């Protein structure tokens, strides 16, 4: 049985009889294998402690420690009582930790924020370094996963920020939402606290040691590194915007731990490298308040959708280089010739003014629509108006051969008039043939760019199918999110095609001038 199949089987067994908590169970196992901690935010009675109790069954010989914190809790109740024998015989202050937190595989701490400072301070090194200071000794604890839970967040300004930061993954857990699942839950008689995983299917200590070494060797490819950098940038911009009520404030240690989490996801999914699907897990590590959850998910999805593989293939600088070449070719082959030309100047929007017409007729205006429909060969009847828009004459007329002129026929005579115009600038583009040396230089640049595009297209063609095949098999990320990654891959392929076409157009533009 390969690793992915093994983990899938464990997750299926852990989820038996537990409804709408599959994601929380997946994240609990992932964080335990990664050596990280999980915080569950939710009301009482939504299976928070059940998840921790079941999680211990994933590990061979797994044990659990569970404690409900209150302001009267003492370190003895969490870390174990002081050894009277050690104190009496050796004058050493040490705790008997075997059946307490330091000796457990899985730890569940309920209402953590109500614990006193002595407990919380001792937890800091356990959470971050898996070390507990027992008297004069620093003891490395074998805790696989620590799950904390509460129906509230740590109070601001109470010195709990460091402890809160130690919980890499935060998850909002709710009561059952679907009516069908609710009915099944209340009528199901499955013993949820029974061990349903066979010993041969459990994760043993030797495996876990080997896995942790292998996890550190998992590759983090360029597209993932770029994605994380952009997510970091987006969250920092969000924090600096001044519009957000709650800030992300994610710093170096958490980003490093996130990468470890992504490596673990890739390893447990049977892959040698992290992929963009794993990056969706980052959203669980960003928020500090439930109101930020959707924003975190949107930031992660937007970065993956727009930039995932694009930056890894250097499409952004490639696009800029093609634009620069296009600008250079345009500047070298086109000359802008600006000249002043006459343009008809309407009067009161609806009329044109006919110059000097008042010497022969009572009105010197005609409607724009009538002038525009006139031809230069055939006469038509038009109306003349005075400045007050009163009809004064009806005459036969046509346009003159010169622009903006009118020929009027009246009483067997013809009269030539010009319409009032104004001067405006008109830009004409004059194309010039590029120098042969310059054209040769452009050709060389285009060939290099085309060769690079062809290489990237081959890379997408050969590597994309492998990426796509496993997208919907990720054990820890919803399969629906694969649509986002697939859309980005399509955009990358389309973007390469568009750049290749743009290069062809650039080449055609200056070659045509040369032929002329």
Protein backbone atom coordinates (compact mmCIF):
# COMPACT_ATOMS: atom_id res chain seq x y z
CA UNK A 1 0.00 0.00 0.00
CA UNK A 2 1.47 3.37 -1.03
CA UNK A 3 1.49 6.36 1.30
CA UNK A 4 -1.46 8.14 -0.28
CA UNK A 5 -3.60 5.00 -0.16
CA UNK A 6 -2.59 4.43 3.47
CA UNK A 7 -3.51 7.98 4.51
CA UNK A 8 -6.77 7.83 2.53
CA UNK A 9 -7.75 4.64 4.35
CA UNK A 10 -6.92 6.19 7.73
CA UNK A 11 -8.98 9.28 6.95
CA UNK A 12 -11.93 7.17 5.82
CA UNK A 13 -11.85 5.17 9.06
CA UNK A 14 -11.47 8.29 11.22
CA UNK A 15 -14.45 9.92 9.48
CA UNK A 16 -16.79 6.95 9.94
CA UNK A 17 -19.86 8.05 11.90
CA UNK A 18 -18.70 11.69 12.05
CA UNK A 19 -20.77 13.94 9.81
CA UNK A 20 -19.61 17.13 8.09
CA UNK A 21 -16.31 17.10 9.99
CA UNK A 22 -14.23 15.44 7.27
CA UNK A 23 -12.18 18.55 6.53
CA UNK A 24 -11.39 19.13 10.20
CA UNK A 25 -10.26 15.49 10.51
CA UNK A 26 -8.10 15.80 7.39
CA UNK A 27 -6.44 18.93 8.73
CA UNK A 28 -5.89 17.36 12.15
CA UNK A 29 -4.01 14.40 10.64
CA UNK A 30 -2.03 16.65 8.30
CA UNK A 31 -0.91 18.96 11.12
CA UNK A 32 -0.02 15.99 13.34
CA UNK A 33 2.25 14.44 10.70
CA UNK A 34 3.74 17.87 9.95
CA UNK A 35 4.43 18.36 13.66
CA UNK A 36 2.19 21.42 13.84
CA UNK A 37 -0.79 22.43 15.93
CA UNK A 38 -4.45 22.99 15.13
CA UNK A 39 -6.94 25.40 16.67
CA UNK A 40 -10.66 24.66 16.39
CA UNK A 41 -13.05 27.56 16.90
CA UNK A 42 -16.65 26.60 17.52
CA UNK A 43 -19.47 26.22 20.06
CA UNK A 44 -19.66 23.34 22.54
CA UNK A 45 -20.91 20.00 21.27
CA UNK A 46 -19.67 20.10 17.66
CA UNK A 47 -17.16 17.21 17.96
CA UNK A 48 -14.02 19.20 18.74
CA UNK A 49 -12.82 16.80 21.43
CA UNK A 50 -14.05 13.80 19.43
CA UNK A 51 -11.67 14.69 16.59
CA UNK A 52 -8.71 14.65 18.98
CA UNK A 53 -9.77 11.37 20.59
CA UNK A 54 -10.14 9.68 17.22
CA UNK A 55 -6.89 11.11 15.89
CA UNK A 56 -4.80 9.07 18.35
CA UNK A 57 -6.01 5.90 16.58
CA UNK A 58 -4.09 6.94 13.48
CA UNK A 59 -0.83 6.21 15.31
CA UNK A 60 0.30 2.81 16.52
CA UNK A 61 0.28 2.86 20.31
CA UNK A 62 -1.19 6.33 20.25
CA UNK A 63 -2.34 7.87 23.51
CA UNK A 64 -4.23 11.07 24.17
CA UNK A 65 -4.35 13.68 26.87
CA UNK A 66 -7.43 15.84 27.22
CA UNK A 67 -8.00 18.72 29.60
CA UNK A 68 -10.61 21.44 30.05
CA UNK A 69 -8.84 24.61 31.12
CA UNK A 70 -10.10 27.11 33.67
CA UNK A 71 -8.52 29.94 35.59
CA UNK A 72 -7.85 27.62 38.53
CA UNK A 73 -6.00 24.99 36.48
CA UNK A 74 -2.53 24.17 37.78
CA UNK A 75 0.57 22.92 35.94
CA UNK A 76 0.29 19.66 37.94
CA UNK A 77 -2.99 18.87 36.17
CA UNK A 78 -1.51 19.40 32.72
CA UNK A 79 2.16 18.45 32.93
CA UNK A 80 2.01 15.99 35.82
CA UNK A 81 2.55 16.09 39.59
CA UNK A 82 5.92 16.74 41.18
CA UNK A 83 7.80 13.51 42.00
CA UNK A 84 7.95 13.39 45.81
CA UNK A 85 10.60 10.67 45.64
CA UNK A 86 12.88 12.78 43.41
CA UNK A 87 12.33 15.80 45.60
CA UNK A 88 12.99 13.87 48.80
CA UNK A 89 15.88 11.61 47.72
CA UNK A 90 17.68 13.76 45.15
CA UNK A 91 16.44 17.24 45.94
CA UNK A 92 15.24 17.60 42.32
CA UNK A 93 12.05 19.29 41.23
CA UNK A 94 10.73 17.04 38.44
CA UNK A 95 7.28 16.07 37.28
CA UNK A 96 5.86 12.64 36.56
CA UNK A 97 4.80 13.31 32.98
CA UNK A 98 4.03 9.87 31.58
CA UNK A 99 0.23 10.05 31.70
CA UNK A 100 0.03 13.79 31.14
CA UNK A 101 0.63 16.16 28.26
CA UNK A 102 4.38 15.49 27.76
CA UNK A 103 3.77 11.75 27.55
CA UNK A 104 0.82 11.75 25.14
CA UNK A 105 0.70 11.28 21.37
CA UNK A 106 -2.28 13.55 20.82
CA UNK A 107 -3.18 16.45 23.11
CA UNK A 108 -6.54 18.20 23.29
CA UNK A 109 -6.75 21.42 25.31
CA UNK A 110 -10.22 22.87 25.60
CA UNK A 111 -10.80 26.54 26.47
CA UNK A 112 -7.05 27.14 26.28
CA UNK A 113 -7.29 30.91 26.78
CA UNK A 114 -8.63 30.44 30.30
CA UNK A 115 -5.41 28.77 31.50
CA UNK A 116 -3.03 30.70 33.72
CA UNK A 117 0.29 32.21 32.56
CA UNK A 118 2.40 29.37 34.03
CA UNK A 119 0.63 26.79 31.84
CA UNK A 120 0.57 29.01 28.77
CA UNK A 121 4.28 29.86 29.03
CA UNK A 122 5.24 26.19 29.34
CA UNK A 123 3.14 25.42 26.28
CA UNK A 124 5.06 27.85 24.08
CA UNK A 125 8.17 25.66 23.82
CA UNK A 126 6.09 22.49 23.57
CA UNK A 127 4.13 23.91 20.64
CA UNK A 128 7.08 25.41 18.80
CA UNK A 129 10.01 23.13 19.56
CA UNK A 130 8.40 20.00 21.08
CA UNK A 131 10.50 20.59 24.21
CA UNK A 132 9.29 20.60 27.82
CA UNK A 133 11.48 21.86 30.62
CA UNK A 134 11.08 19.36 33.44
CA UNK A 135 13.00 20.70 36.39
CA UNK A 136 16.60 21.12 35.26
CA UNK A 137 16.15 19.04 32.10
CA UNK A 138 14.89 19.96 28.69
CA UNK A 139 12.91 16.94 27.56
CA UNK A 140 11.97 16.38 23.91
CA UNK A 141 8.34 15.30 23.98
CA UNK A 142 6.87 12.83 21.49
CA UNK A 143 3.61 14.72 21.01
CA UNK A 144 2.41 14.18 17.44
CA UNK A 145 -0.32 16.77 17.40
CA UNK A 146 -1.75 19.40 19.72
CA UNK A 147 -5.34 20.46 19.15
CA UNK A 148 -6.71 23.41 21.08
CA UNK A 149 -10.33 24.46 21.03
CA UNK A 150 -12.53 27.26 22.23
CA UNK A 151 -15.75 29.03 21.44
CA UNK A 152 -13.89 32.35 21.50
CA UNK A 153 -10.65 33.91 20.30
CA UNK A 154 -7.87 35.02 22.66
CA UNK A 155 -8.62 38.40 24.20
CA UNK A 156 -6.64 41.23 22.66
CA UNK A 157 -4.02 42.85 24.87
CA UNK A 158 -3.83 39.99 27.37
CA UNK A 159 -0.39 38.74 26.26
CA UNK A 160 -1.81 35.76 24.38
CA UNK A 161 -0.50 36.75 20.94
CA UNK A 162 2.59 34.52 21.11
CA UNK A 163 0.56 31.46 22.11
CA UNK A 164 -2.07 32.15 19.44
CA UNK A 165 0.65 32.46 16.81
CA UNK A 166 1.89 28.95 17.65
CA UNK A 167 -1.28 27.43 16.18
CA UNK A 168 -0.43 27.26 12.51
CA UNK A 169 -3.79 25.98 11.26
CA UNK A 170 -7.02 27.63 12.39
CA UNK A 171 -10.38 26.08 11.54
CA UNK A 172 -13.94 27.25 12.13
CA UNK A 173 -16.02 24.21 13.07
CA UNK A 174 -19.81 24.34 13.04
CA UNK A 175 -22.81 22.21 13.87
CA UNK A 176 -24.24 19.93 11.18
CA UNK A 177 -25.83 22.01 8.41
CA UNK A 178 -27.58 19.39 6.25
CA UNK A 179 -30.89 17.95 7.43
CA UNK A 180 -30.10 14.48 6.09
CA UNK A 181 -26.78 14.32 7.92
CA UNK A 182 -28.42 15.58 11.10
CA UNK A 183 -30.96 12.76 11.02
CA UNK A 184 -28.22 10.19 10.36
CA UNK A 185 -26.13 11.59 13.20
CA UNK A 186 -28.85 11.37 15.85
CA UNK A 187 -29.94 7.87 14.77
CA UNK A 188 -26.46 6.39 14.19
CA UNK A 189 -25.45 3.89 16.90
CA UNK A 190 -21.78 3.59 15.87
CA UNK A 191 -19.36 3.69 18.80
CA UNK A 192 -17.45 6.82 17.82
CA UNK A 193 -14.80 6.27 20.47
CA UNK A 194 -13.88 2.76 19.35
CA UNK A 195 -10.63 2.14 17.46
CA UNK A 196 -11.68 1.28 13.91
CA UNK A 197 -8.20 1.22 12.37
CA UNK A 198 -6.28 -2.05 12.15
CA UNK A 199 -2.76 -1.99 13.62
CA UNK A 200 -1.18 -2.72 10.24
CA UNK A 201 -2.87 0.40 8.84
CA UNK A 202 -1.69 2.73 11.59
CA UNK A 203 1.33 5.03 11.35
CA UNK A 204 4.18 3.61 13.40
CA UNK A 205 7.15 5.42 14.92
CA UNK A 206 9.66 4.11 12.38
CA UNK A 207 7.47 5.28 9.50
CA UNK A 208 7.01 8.68 11.06
CA UNK A 209 10.76 9.18 11.43
CA UNK A 210 11.32 8.17 7.80
CA UNK A 211 8.44 10.36 6.64
CA UNK A 212 9.76 13.43 8.42
CA UNK A 213 13.13 13.02 6.73
CA UNK A 214 11.45 12.53 3.34
CA UNK A 215 9.18 15.56 3.87
CA UNK A 216 12.23 17.80 4.16
CA UNK A 217 13.35 16.59 0.73
CA UNK A 218 10.09 17.48 -1.01
CA UNK A 219 10.74 20.05 -3.74
CA UNK A 220 9.07 23.47 -3.66
CA UNK A 221 8.91 24.51 -7.37
CA UNK A 222 9.07 28.04 -8.72
CA UNK A 223 5.31 28.40 -9.23
CA UNK A 224 4.69 27.62 -5.54
CA UNK A 225 7.42 29.98 -4.30
CA UNK A 226 6.05 32.75 -6.52
CA UNK A 227 2.51 32.07 -5.34
CA UNK A 228 3.53 32.29 -1.67
CA UNK A 229 5.43 35.53 -2.30
CA UNK A 230 2.39 37.09 -3.97
CA UNK A 231 0.05 35.91 -1.21
CA UNK A 232 2.43 37.50 1.31
CA UNK A 233 2.41 40.74 -0.70
CA UNK A 234 -1.39 40.76 -0.95
CA UNK A 235 -1.86 40.23 2.78
CA UNK A 236 0.63 43.00 3.56
CA UNK A 237 -1.19 45.36 1.21
CA UNK A 238 -4.46 44.40 2.91
CA UNK A 239 -2.96 45.18 6.33
CA UNK A 240 -1.65 48.54 5.12
CA UNK A 241 -4.86 49.58 3.40
CA UNK A 242 -6.35 50.94 6.59
CA UNK A 243 -9.77 49.66 5.55
CA UNK A 244 -9.56 46.29 7.31
CA UNK A 245 -10.96 45.90 10.81
CA UNK A 246 -8.68 42.89 11.43
CA UNK A 247 -5.12 42.51 10.18
CA UNK A 248 -3.40 39.33 9.01
CA UNK A 249 0.04 40.16 10.45
CA UNK A 250 1.75 36.96 9.29
CA UNK A 251 5.48 36.91 9.95
CA UNK A 252 8.53 34.86 8.99
CA UNK A 253 8.12 31.87 11.33
CA UNK A 254 4.57 31.16 10.19
CA UNK A 255 5.55 31.34 6.51
CA UNK A 256 8.34 28.82 7.11
CA UNK A 257 5.93 26.52 8.93
CA UNK A 258 3.42 26.87 6.09
CA UNK A 259 5.98 25.56 3.63
CA UNK A 260 6.56 22.57 5.92
CA UNK A 261 2.80 21.98 5.94
CA UNK A 262 2.65 22.12 2.13
CA UNK A 263 5.59 19.71 1.88
CA UNK A 264 3.77 17.32 4.20
CA UNK A 265 0.64 17.53 2.06
CA UNK A 266 2.64 16.76 -1.07
CA UNK A 267 4.41 13.81 0.58
CA UNK A 268 1.22 12.27 1.98
CA UNK A 269 -0.33 12.64 -1.47
CA UNK A 270 2.56 10.62 -2.91
CA UNK A 271 4.20 13.47 -4.82
CA UNK A 272 7.88 14.52 -4.92
CA UNK A 273 6.97 18.21 -5.09
CA UNK A 274 4.44 20.71 -3.77
CA UNK A 275 1.82 21.84 -6.29
CA UNK A 276 -0.66 24.69 -6.53
CA UNK A 277 -3.46 22.61 -5.01
CA UNK A 278 -1.43 22.33 -1.80
CA UNK A 279 -1.22 26.14 -1.74
CA UNK A 280 -4.94 26.38 -0.94
CA UNK A 281 -4.05 25.12 2.56
CA UNK A 282 -2.37 28.48 3.21
CA UNK A 283 -5.81 30.08 3.66
CA UNK A 284 -6.22 28.10 6.93
CA UNK A 285 -2.98 29.64 8.23
CA UNK A 286 -3.62 33.33 7.52
CA UNK A 287 -6.68 34.46 9.42
CA UNK A 288 -6.77 35.86 12.94
CA UNK A 289 -10.53 36.39 13.05
CA UNK A 290 -13.40 34.47 11.39
CA UNK A 291 -14.34 37.61 9.44
CA UNK A 292 -11.02 37.28 7.59
CA UNK A 293 -11.59 33.70 6.42
CA UNK A 294 -13.32 34.60 3.16
CA UNK A 295 -10.78 37.32 2.42
CA UNK A 296 -7.93 34.85 2.98
CA UNK A 297 -9.57 32.30 0.68
CA UNK A 298 -10.16 34.96 -1.99
CA UNK A 299 -6.56 36.19 -1.86
CA UNK A 300 -5.16 32.66 -2.21
CA UNK A 301 -7.56 31.70 -5.01
CA UNK A 302 -7.00 34.96 -6.90
CA UNK A 303 -3.21 34.59 -6.82
CA UNK A 304 -3.36 30.98 -7.99
CA UNK A 305 -5.91 31.81 -10.70
CA UNK A 306 -4.04 34.79 -12.13
CA UNK A 307 -0.39 34.07 -11.45
CA UNK A 308 0.18 30.40 -10.55
CA UNK A 309 2.13 29.05 -13.50
CA UNK A 310 2.39 32.40 -15.29
CA UNK A 311 5.25 33.69 -13.15
CA UNK A 312 6.98 30.30 -13.10
CA UNK A 313 7.20 30.45 -16.90
CA UNK A 314 8.35 34.09 -16.86
CA UNK A 315 5.35 35.23 -18.89
CA UNK A 316 5.31 38.67 -17.30
CA UNK A 317 8.84 39.69 -18.44
CA UNK A 318 8.22 37.87 -21.73
CA UNK A 319 5.12 39.96 -22.38
CA UNK A 320 7.08 43.10 -21.54
CA UNK A 321 9.88 42.16 -23.96
CA UNK A 322 7.39 41.57 -26.78
CA UNK A 323 5.71 44.92 -26.03
CA UNK A 324 9.10 46.66 -26.05
CA UNK A 325 9.94 45.14 -29.43
CA UNK A 326 6.56 46.15 -30.82
CA UNK A 327 7.10 49.73 -29.62
CA UNK A 328 10.59 49.84 -31.14
CA UNK A 329 9.38 48.57 -34.52
CA UNK A 330 6.50 51.04 -34.55
CA UNK A 331 8.75 53.98 -33.65
CA UNK A 332 11.31 53.09 -36.33
CA UNK A 333 8.87 52.40 -39.19
CA UNK A 334 6.23 55.06 -38.66
CA UNK A 335 6.50 58.84 -38.91
CA UNK A 336 3.73 60.99 -37.52
CA UNK A 337 2.96 63.87 -39.87
CA UNK A 338 0.81 66.54 -38.23
CA UNK A 339 -0.89 69.16 -40.42
CA UNK A 340 -3.70 71.68 -40.09
CA UNK A 341 -6.89 70.88 -42.01
CA UNK A 342 -10.23 72.60 -42.38
CA UNK A 343 -13.12 71.14 -40.46
CA UNK A 344 -16.74 72.26 -40.72
CA UNK A 345 -17.80 74.30 -37.72
CA UNK A 346 -21.47 73.74 -36.82
CA UNK A 347 -23.67 76.55 -35.56
CA UNK A 348 -26.11 75.72 -32.78
CA UNK A 349 -25.25 72.06 -33.39
CA UNK A 350 -27.92 71.63 -36.08
CA UNK A 351 -26.78 74.11 -38.77
CA UNK A 352 -23.82 75.05 -40.95
CA UNK A 353 -23.13 78.71 -41.76
CA UNK A 354 -22.69 79.55 -45.48
CA UNK A 355 -20.27 82.43 -45.87
CA UNK A 356 -21.32 85.54 -47.88
CA UNK A 357 -24.74 84.04 -48.70
CA UNK A 358 -26.51 86.98 -47.09
CA UNK A 359 -25.50 89.10 -50.11
CA UNK A 360 -27.88 87.10 -52.32
CA UNK A 361 -30.39 85.41 -50.01
CA UNK A 362 -32.19 86.27 -46.82
CA UNK A 363 -30.80 83.31 -44.89
CA UNK A 364 -27.24 82.03 -44.58
CA UNK A 365 -27.70 78.78 -42.74
CA UNK A 366 -28.64 75.24 -43.77
CA UNK A 367 -29.21 72.10 -41.79
CA UNK A 368 -26.23 69.78 -41.35
CA UNK A 369 -28.30 66.79 -42.34
CA UNK A 370 -29.26 68.39 -45.66
CA UNK A 371 -25.69 69.33 -46.54
CA UNK A 372 -24.34 65.91 -45.60
CA UNK A 373 -26.77 64.13 -47.96
CA UNK A 374 -25.91 66.34 -50.93
CA UNK A 375 -23.83 64.90 -53.75
CA UNK A 376 -21.42 66.60 -56.15
CA UNK A 377 -23.19 65.48 -59.34
CA UNK A 378 -26.91 65.89 -58.75
CA UNK A 379 -28.88 68.86 -57.49
CA UNK A 380 -31.33 68.63 -54.61
CA UNK A 381 -33.74 71.03 -53.00
CA UNK A 382 -32.49 72.46 -49.71
CA UNK A 383 -33.86 74.96 -47.21
CA UNK A 384 -32.12 78.13 -46.09
CA UNK A 385 -32.62 79.63 -42.63
CA UNK A 386 -31.80 82.87 -40.88
CA UNK A 387 -30.07 83.23 -37.51
CA UNK A 388 -33.40 82.75 -35.75
CA UNK A 389 -33.89 79.35 -37.45
CA UNK A 390 -36.69 80.76 -39.64
CA UNK A 391 -37.09 79.28 -43.13
CA UNK A 392 -36.26 82.00 -45.69
CA UNK A 393 -35.69 80.25 -49.04
CA UNK A 394 -35.92 76.96 -50.86
CA UNK A 395 -33.23 76.50 -53.52
CA UNK A 396 -31.58 73.85 -55.65
CA UNK A 397 -28.01 73.00 -54.65
CA UNK A 398 -25.22 70.47 -54.69
CA UNK A 399 -21.76 70.14 -53.12
CA UNK A 400 -18.80 71.70 -54.91
CA UNK A 401 -15.73 69.81 -56.04
CA UNK A 402 -13.66 71.50 -53.34
CA UNK A 403 -14.27 70.33 -49.79
CA UNK A 404 -16.74 72.31 -47.71
CA UNK A 405 -18.20 74.23 -50.67
CA UNK A 406 -21.79 74.63 -51.84
CA UNK A 407 -23.14 75.51 -55.31
CA UNK A 408 -26.62 77.07 -55.29
CA UNK A 409 -28.81 77.32 -58.42
CA UNK A 410 -31.37 80.14 -58.42
CA UNK A 411 -33.06 82.06 -61.25
CA UNK A 412 -30.94 80.37 -63.91
CA UNK A 413 -27.76 81.38 -62.12
CA UNK A 414 -25.27 79.43 -59.96
CA UNK A 415 -23.55 80.77 -56.89
CA UNK A 416 -20.44 79.31 -55.25
CA UNK A 417 -20.15 79.53 -51.48
CA UNK A 418 -17.86 78.18 -48.77
CA UNK A 419 -19.08 76.94 -45.42
CA UNK A 420 -17.55 78.24 -42.21
CA UNK A 421 -14.69 76.02 -41.07
CA UNK A 422 -12.11 75.87 -38.30
CA UNK A 423 -8.57 74.60 -38.31
CA UNK A 424 -7.68 71.35 -36.54
CA UNK A 425 -4.65 69.07 -36.40
CA UNK A 426 -4.73 65.89 -38.42
CA UNK A 427 -2.16 63.18 -37.88
CA UNK A 428 -1.04 61.11 -40.83
CA UNK A 429 1.15 58.04 -40.47
CA UNK A 430 3.90 57.72 -43.03
CA UNK A 431 5.58 54.32 -43.20
CA UNK A 432 9.30 54.08 -43.90
CA UNK A 433 11.37 51.08 -44.83
CA UNK A 434 13.71 50.00 -41.99
CA UNK A 435 17.46 49.76 -42.55
CA UNK A 436 18.52 46.19 -43.50
CA UNK A 437 20.79 45.94 -40.43
CA UNK A 438 17.96 46.98 -38.14
CA UNK A 439 15.59 44.54 -39.81
CA UNK A 440 18.16 41.75 -39.37
CA UNK A 441 18.47 42.65 -35.67
CA UNK A 442 14.70 42.49 -35.22
CA UNK A 443 14.58 39.15 -36.98
CA UNK A 444 17.18 37.74 -34.60
CA UNK A 445 15.27 38.95 -31.55
CA UNK A 446 12.00 37.50 -32.84
CA UNK A 447 13.62 34.13 -33.54
CA UNK A 448 14.99 33.98 -29.98
CA UNK A 449 11.63 34.93 -28.50
CA UNK A 450 9.82 32.40 -30.68
CA UNK A 451 12.28 29.68 -29.64
CA UNK A 452 11.69 30.54 -25.97
CA UNK A 453 7.91 30.47 -26.43
CA UNK A 454 8.13 27.11 -28.19
CA UNK A 455 10.20 25.74 -25.30
CA UNK A 456 7.67 26.96 -22.74
CA UNK A 457 4.79 25.52 -24.75
CA UNK A 458 6.54 22.14 -24.79
CA UNK A 459 7.06 22.41 -21.07
CA UNK A 460 3.37 23.12 -20.52
CA UNK A 461 2.40 20.36 -22.94
CA UNK A 462 4.51 17.74 -21.18
CA UNK A 463 4.22 18.82 -17.56
CA UNK A 464 0.63 20.09 -17.40
CA UNK A 465 -0.98 16.64 -17.88
CA UNK A 466 0.95 15.36 -14.87
CA UNK A 467 -0.20 18.32 -12.81
CA UNK A 468 -3.78 17.94 -13.96
CA UNK A 469 -3.98 14.21 -13.33
CA UNK A 470 -3.55 14.53 -9.58
CA UNK A 471 -5.36 17.78 -8.92
CA UNK A 472 -8.62 16.23 -7.80
CA UNK A 473 -6.96 13.49 -5.75
CA UNK A 474 -5.53 15.80 -3.08
CA UNK A 475 -6.40 14.32 0.31
CA UNK A 476 -6.52 17.65 2.12
CA UNK A 477 -7.97 20.13 -0.41
CA UNK A 478 -11.49 20.15 -1.91
CA UNK A 479 -11.51 18.77 -5.45
CA UNK A 480 -13.64 21.71 -6.66
CA UNK A 481 -10.63 24.03 -6.23
CA UNK A 482 -8.91 22.16 -9.05
CA UNK A 483 -11.00 24.31 -11.41
CA UNK A 484 -8.93 27.34 -10.35
CA UNK A 485 -5.62 25.61 -11.13
CA UNK A 486 -6.90 24.25 -14.44
CA UNK A 487 -8.08 27.74 -15.45
CA UNK A 488 -4.61 29.12 -14.73
CA UNK A 489 -2.96 26.39 -16.82
CA UNK A 490 -5.31 27.17 -19.72
CA UNK A 491 -4.47 30.86 -19.40
CA UNK A 492 -0.75 30.08 -19.56
CA UNK A 493 -1.19 28.05 -22.76
CA UNK A 494 -3.43 30.70 -24.32
CA UNK A 495 -1.01 33.43 -23.27
CA UNK A 496 1.89 31.69 -25.03
CA UNK A 497 -0.20 31.33 -28.19
CA UNK A 498 -1.13 35.01 -28.09
CA UNK A 499 2.50 36.07 -27.70
CA UNK A 500 3.52 33.87 -30.64
CA UNK A 501 0.80 35.47 -32.76
CA UNK A 502 1.86 38.94 -31.65
CA UNK A 503 5.42 38.24 -32.79
CA UNK A 504 4.13 37.14 -36.20
CA UNK A 505 2.21 40.39 -36.54
CA UNK A 506 5.28 42.45 -35.61
CA UNK A 507 7.36 40.61 -38.18
CA UNK A 508 4.70 41.04 -40.86
CA UNK A 509 4.39 44.77 -40.13
CA UNK A 510 7.99 45.64 -41.04
CA UNK A 511 8.42 43.02 -43.77
CA UNK A 512 5.44 44.45 -45.67
CA UNK A 513 7.05 47.89 -45.64
CA UNK A 514 10.20 46.40 -47.09
CA UNK A 515 8.28 44.81 -49.95
CA UNK A 516 6.58 48.07 -50.79
